[in-house]
Amino acid sequence: MTGLVPFNKKESGLLDLDFDLFDYDLDKFFKGRWPMRQRLMKDTFKLDVQDKDKEYLIQADLPGIKKEEVKVDLDAGRLTISVEREERIDEEKKNYVHKERRYSSMSRSIYLADAKSDGIKAKLEEGVLNISIPKEEKPETGVKIDIE
């Protein structure tokens, strides 16, 4: 009786091994690792946001980006950092001309409900964009009601 092996449809032959690999590839593809998503993630930048008592401090990693290529906007509490960059390579050598162009843009937006539109400071140095946004003083909106 020890030589009996229970029937298992998945392990019934070599053909099933091929389907197992196929199933694995399909699972890998559909589990949030879309090829385009991976490509899009490479074209964004890291953003750190600190919520201090009187201000927000934002740091964005932008290595190799020039100040002229960065645009920072605050509109109705939505902070948007955009980068647009164009590269051209014109190279002339014997018997051929080599020309390439590349245009890229990336953008990140965050919502800061109590961000004040004046007094914002931004500085780009050594590939890091530092932004300081003051907060608006908001009166407390909650009211305690006494019951008679």
C-alpha atoms as a PDB file:
ATOM      1  CA  MET A   1       0.000   0.000   0.000  1.00  0.00           C
ATOM      2  CA  THR A   2       2.941   2.396   0.421  1.00  0.00           C
ATOM      3  CA  GLY A   3       3.474   2.492  -3.350  1.00  0.00           C
ATOM      4  CA  LEU A   4       0.106   4.137  -4.005  1.00  0.00           C
ATOM      5  CA  VAL A   5       0.290   7.758  -5.086  1.00  0.00           C
ATOM      6  CA  PRO A   6      -2.849   9.893  -4.961  1.00  0.00           C
ATOM      7  CA  PHE A   7      -4.067  11.202  -8.282  1.00  0.00           C
ATOM      8  CA  ASN A   8      -3.243  14.882  -8.719  1.00  0.00           C
ATOM      9  CA  LYS A   9      -4.357  16.500 -11.937  1.00  0.00           C
ATOM     10  CA  LYS A  10      -1.679  19.241 -11.762  1.00  0.00           C
ATOM     11  CA  GLU A  11       1.163  16.729 -11.704  1.00  0.00           C
ATOM     12  CA  SER A  12      -0.125  14.292 -14.291  1.00  0.00           C
ATOM     13  CA  GLY A  13       2.509  14.961 -16.967  1.00  0.00           C
ATOM     14  CA  LEU A  14       5.123  17.197 -18.561  1.00  0.00           C
ATOM     15  CA  LEU A  15       2.498  19.152 -20.489  1.00  0.00           C
ATOM     16  CA  ASP A  16       1.067  20.393 -17.200  1.00  0.00           C
ATOM     17  CA  LEU A  17       4.456  21.787 -16.233  1.00  0.00           C
ATOM     18  CA  ASP A  18       4.320  24.068 -19.275  1.00  0.00           C
ATOM     19  CA  PHE A  19       0.872  25.293 -18.264  1.00  0.00           C
ATOM     20  CA  ASP A  20       2.089  25.942 -14.703  1.00  0.00           C
ATOM     21  CA  LEU A  21       4.803  28.209 -16.083  1.00  0.00           C
ATOM     22  CA  PHE A  22       2.231  29.898 -18.312  1.00  0.00           C
ATOM     23  CA  ASP A  23      -0.061  30.446 -15.305  1.00  0.00           C
ATOM     24  CA  TYR A  24       2.864  31.854 -13.333  1.00  0.00           C
ATOM     25  CA  ASP A  25       3.680  34.331 -16.113  1.00  0.00           C
ATOM     26  CA  LEU A  26       0.055  35.440 -16.338  1.00  0.00           C
ATOM     27  CA  ASP A  27      -0.145  35.911 -12.569  1.00  0.00           C
ATOM     28  CA  LYS A  28       3.071  37.903 -12.581  1.00  0.00           C
ATOM     29  CA  PHE A  29       1.762  40.133 -15.377  1.00  0.00           C
ATOM     30  CA  PHE A  30      -1.609  40.883 -13.757  1.00  0.00           C
ATOM     31  CA  LYS A  31      -0.437  41.411 -10.156  1.00  0.00           C
ATOM     32  CA  GLY A  32       0.121  45.163 -10.428  1.00  0.00           C
ATOM     33  CA  ARG A  33       3.368  44.967 -12.373  1.00  0.00           C
ATOM     34  CA  TRP A  34       2.117  46.303 -15.677  1.00  0.00           C
ATOM     35  CA  PRO A  35       4.968  46.967 -18.107  1.00  0.00           C
ATOM     36  CA  MET A  36       3.793  50.523 -18.806  1.00  0.00           C
ATOM     37  CA  ARG A  37       3.470  51.215 -15.072  1.00  0.00           C
ATOM     38  CA  GLN A  38       7.094  50.242 -14.535  1.00  0.00           C
ATOM     39  CA  ARG A  39       8.122  52.557 -17.355  1.00  0.00           C
ATOM     40  CA  LEU A  40       6.039  55.436 -15.999  1.00  0.00           C
ATOM     41  CA  MET A  41       7.474  54.994 -12.531  1.00  0.00           C
ATOM     42  CA  LYS A  42      10.957  55.595 -13.921  1.00  0.00           C
ATOM     43  CA  ASP A  43       9.848  58.998 -15.235  1.00  0.00           C
ATOM     44  CA  THR A  44       8.771  60.426 -11.883  1.00  0.00           C
ATOM     45  CA  PHE A  45      10.702  61.831  -8.969  1.00  0.00           C
ATOM     46  CA  LYS A  46      10.692  61.177  -5.250  1.00  0.00           C
ATOM     47  CA  LEU A  47       8.859  63.632  -3.026  1.00  0.00           C
ATOM     48  CA  ASP A  48       9.103  64.066   0.770  1.00  0.00           C
ATOM     49  CA  VAL A  49       6.521  66.201   2.584  1.00  0.00           C
ATOM     50  CA  GLN A  50       6.899  67.245   6.218  1.00  0.00           C
ATOM     51  CA  ASP A  51       3.987  68.779   8.120  1.00  0.00           C
ATOM     52  CA  LYS A  52       5.455  71.234  10.653  1.00  0.00           C
ATOM     53  CA  ASP A  53       3.513  73.472  13.050  1.00  0.00           C
ATOM     54  CA  LYS A  54       3.559  76.597  10.895  1.00  0.00           C
ATOM     55  CA  GLU A  55       4.721  75.336   7.500  1.00  0.00           C
ATOM     56  CA  TYR A  56       5.092  72.464   5.061  1.00  0.00           C
ATOM     57  CA  LEU A  57       8.586  71.429   3.999  1.00  0.00           C
ATOM     58  CA  ILE A  58       8.806  69.630   0.665  1.00  0.00           C
ATOM     59  CA  GLN A  59      11.878  68.003  -0.853  1.00  0.00           C
ATOM     60  CA  ALA A  60      11.948  66.698  -4.412  1.00  0.00           C
ATOM     61  CA  ASP A  61      14.900  64.764  -5.823  1.00  0.00           C
ATOM     62  CA  LEU A  62      15.712  66.221  -9.242  1.00  0.00           C
ATOM     63  CA  PRO A  63      19.267  65.160 -10.134  1.00  0.00           C
ATOM     64  CA  GLY A  64      20.624  66.673 -13.341  1.00  0.00           C
ATOM     65  CA  ILE A  65      17.712  69.098 -13.682  1.00  0.00           C
ATOM     66  CA  LYS A  66      18.330  72.826 -14.169  1.00  0.00           C
ATOM     67  CA  LYS A  67      16.364  75.553 -12.407  1.00  0.00           C
ATOM     68  CA  GLU A  68      14.934  76.738 -15.744  1.00  0.00           C
ATOM     69  CA  GLU A  69      13.386  73.304 -16.377  1.00  0.00           C
ATOM     70  CA  VAL A  70      11.339  73.285 -13.137  1.00  0.00           C
ATOM     71  CA  LYS A  71       7.946  74.913 -12.593  1.00  0.00           C
ATOM     72  CA  VAL A  72       6.236  75.089  -9.181  1.00  0.00           C
ATOM     73  CA  ASP A  73       2.582  76.174  -8.848  1.00  0.00           C
ATOM     74  CA  LEU A  74       0.160  76.413  -5.934  1.00  0.00           C
ATOM     75  CA  ASP A  75      -3.492  76.697  -6.915  1.00  0.00           C
ATOM     76  CA  ALA A  76      -6.327  76.324  -4.377  1.00  0.00           C
ATOM     77  CA  GLY A  77      -4.156  74.228  -2.092  1.00  0.00           C
ATOM     78  CA  ARG A  78      -2.796  71.955  -4.828  1.00  0.00           C
ATOM     79  CA  LEU A  79       0.974  72.108  -5.155  1.00  0.00           C
ATOM     80  CA  THR A  80       2.264  70.976  -8.550  1.00  0.00           C
ATOM     81  CA  ILE A  81       5.915  70.461  -9.380  1.00  0.00           C
ATOM     82  CA  SER A  82       6.567  70.012 -13.111  1.00  0.00           C
ATOM     83  CA  VAL A  83       9.759  69.313 -14.995  1.00  0.00           C
ATOM     84  CA  GLU A  84      10.116  69.670 -18.763  1.00  0.00           C
ATOM     85  CA  ARG A  85      13.368  68.805 -20.396  1.00  0.00           C
ATOM     86  CA  GLU A  86      14.628  68.669 -23.961  1.00  0.00           C
ATOM     87  CA  GLU A  87      17.969  67.225 -25.024  1.00  0.00           C
ATOM     88  CA  ARG A  88      19.569  67.462 -28.431  1.00  0.00           C
ATOM     89  CA  ILE A  89      22.709  65.746 -29.611  1.00  0.00           C
ATOM     90  CA  ASP A  90      24.151  66.963 -32.897  1.00  0.00           C
ATOM     91  CA  GLU A  91      27.285  65.108 -33.839  1.00  0.00           C
ATOM     92  CA  GLU A  92      29.028  65.308 -37.177  1.00  0.00           C
ATOM     93  CA  LYS A  93      31.691  62.787 -38.074  1.00  0.00           C
ATOM     94  CA  LYS A  94      33.286  61.572 -41.257  1.00  0.00           C
ATOM     95  CA  ASN A  95      30.674  60.200 -43.713  1.00  0.00           C
ATOM     96  CA  TYR A  96      27.666  60.521 -41.428  1.00  0.00           C
ATOM     97  CA  VAL A  97      25.653  62.899 -39.298  1.00  0.00           C
ATOM     98  CA  HIS A  98      24.264  61.745 -35.997  1.00  0.00           C
ATOM     99  CA  LYS A  99      21.325  63.629 -34.491  1.00  0.00           C
ATOM    100  CA  GLU A 100      19.115  62.619 -31.586  1.00  0.00           C
ATOM    101  CA  ARG A 101      16.358  64.388 -29.733  1.00  0.00           C
ATOM    102  CA  ARG A 102      14.708  63.559 -26.465  1.00  0.00           C
ATOM    103  CA  TYR A 103      11.831  65.307 -24.752  1.00  0.00           C
ATOM    104  CA  SER A 104      10.633  64.308 -21.324  1.00  0.00           C
ATOM    105  CA  SER A 105       8.255  65.725 -18.770  1.00  0.00           C
ATOM    106  CA  MET A 106       7.194  64.651 -15.330  1.00  0.00           C
ATOM    107  CA  SER A 107       4.890  66.111 -12.744  1.00  0.00           C
ATOM    108  CA  ARG A 108       3.764  65.486  -9.171  1.00  0.00           C
ATOM    109  CA  SER A 109       0.844  67.107  -7.344  1.00  0.00           C
ATOM    110  CA  ILE A 110      -0.160  67.057  -3.700  1.00  0.00           C
ATOM    111  CA  TYR A 111      -3.015  68.718  -1.867  1.00  0.00           C
ATOM    112  CA  LEU A 112      -2.171  70.942   1.099  1.00  0.00           C
ATOM    113  CA  ALA A 113      -5.479  72.232   2.475  1.00  0.00           C
ATOM    114  CA  ASP A 114      -4.155  75.078   4.624  1.00  0.00           C
ATOM    115  CA  ALA A 115      -1.254  76.215   2.412  1.00  0.00           C
ATOM    116  CA  LYS A 116      -0.749  79.975   2.272  1.00  0.00           C
ATOM    117  CA  SER A 117      -0.102  81.351  -1.221  1.00  0.00           C
ATOM    118  CA  ASP A 118       2.283  84.119  -0.154  1.00  0.00           C
ATOM    119  CA  GLY A 119       5.629  83.617   1.549  1.00  0.00           C
ATOM    120  CA  ILE A 120       6.521  80.458  -0.372  1.00  0.00           C
ATOM    121  CA  LYS A 121      10.245  79.832  -0.806  1.00  0.00           C
ATOM    122  CA  ALA A 122      11.825  77.397  -3.263  1.00  0.00           C
ATOM    123  CA  LYS A 123      15.481  76.616  -3.887  1.00  0.00           C
ATOM    124  CA  LEU A 124      17.158  74.054  -6.138  1.00  0.00           C
ATOM    125  CA  GLU A 125      20.653  73.037  -5.128  1.00  0.00           C
ATOM    126  CA  GLU A 126      22.713  69.907  -5.763  1.00  0.00           C
ATOM    127  CA  GLY A 127      19.769  68.121  -7.400  1.00  0.00           C
ATOM    128  CA  VAL A 128      17.317  68.660  -4.529  1.00  0.00           C
ATOM    129  CA  LEU A 129      14.397  71.085  -4.720  1.00  0.00           C
ATOM    130  CA  ASN A 130      13.465  72.442  -1.268  1.00  0.00           C
ATOM    131  CA  ILE A 131      10.118  74.218  -0.891  1.00  0.00           C
ATOM    132  CA  SER A 132       8.819  75.911   2.251  1.00  0.00           C
ATOM    133  CA  ILE A 133       5.095  76.739   2.293  1.00  0.00           C
ATOM    134  CA  PRO A 134       3.610  78.616   5.252  1.00  0.00           C
ATOM    135  CA  LYS A 135       0.294  77.462   6.690  1.00  0.00           C
ATOM    136  CA  GLU A 136      -2.734  79.688   7.110  1.00  0.00           C
ATOM    137  CA  GLU A 137      -3.983  80.278  10.615  1.00  0.00           C
ATOM    138  CA  LYS A 138      -7.498  78.925  10.639  1.00  0.00           C
ATOM    139  CA  PRO A 139      -9.886  79.696  13.440  1.00  0.00           C
ATOM    140  CA  GLU A 140     -11.413  76.720  15.131  1.00  0.00           C
ATOM    141  CA  THR A 141     -14.646  75.871  13.400  1.00  0.00           C
ATOM    142  CA  GLY A 142     -16.064  73.648  16.094  1.00  0.00           C
ATOM    143  CA  VAL A 143     -18.417  75.231  18.583  1.00  0.00           C
ATOM    144  CA  LYS A 144     -19.516  73.791  21.900  1.00  0.00           C
ATOM    145  CA  ILE A 145     -23.249  74.127  22.404  1.00  0.00           C
ATOM    146  CA  ASP A 146     -24.639  74.300  25.919  1.00  0.00           C
ATOM    147  CA  ILE A 147     -27.869  72.437  26.541  1.00  0.00           C
ATOM    148  CA  GLU A 148     -30.519  74.267  28.563  1.00  0.00           C
END
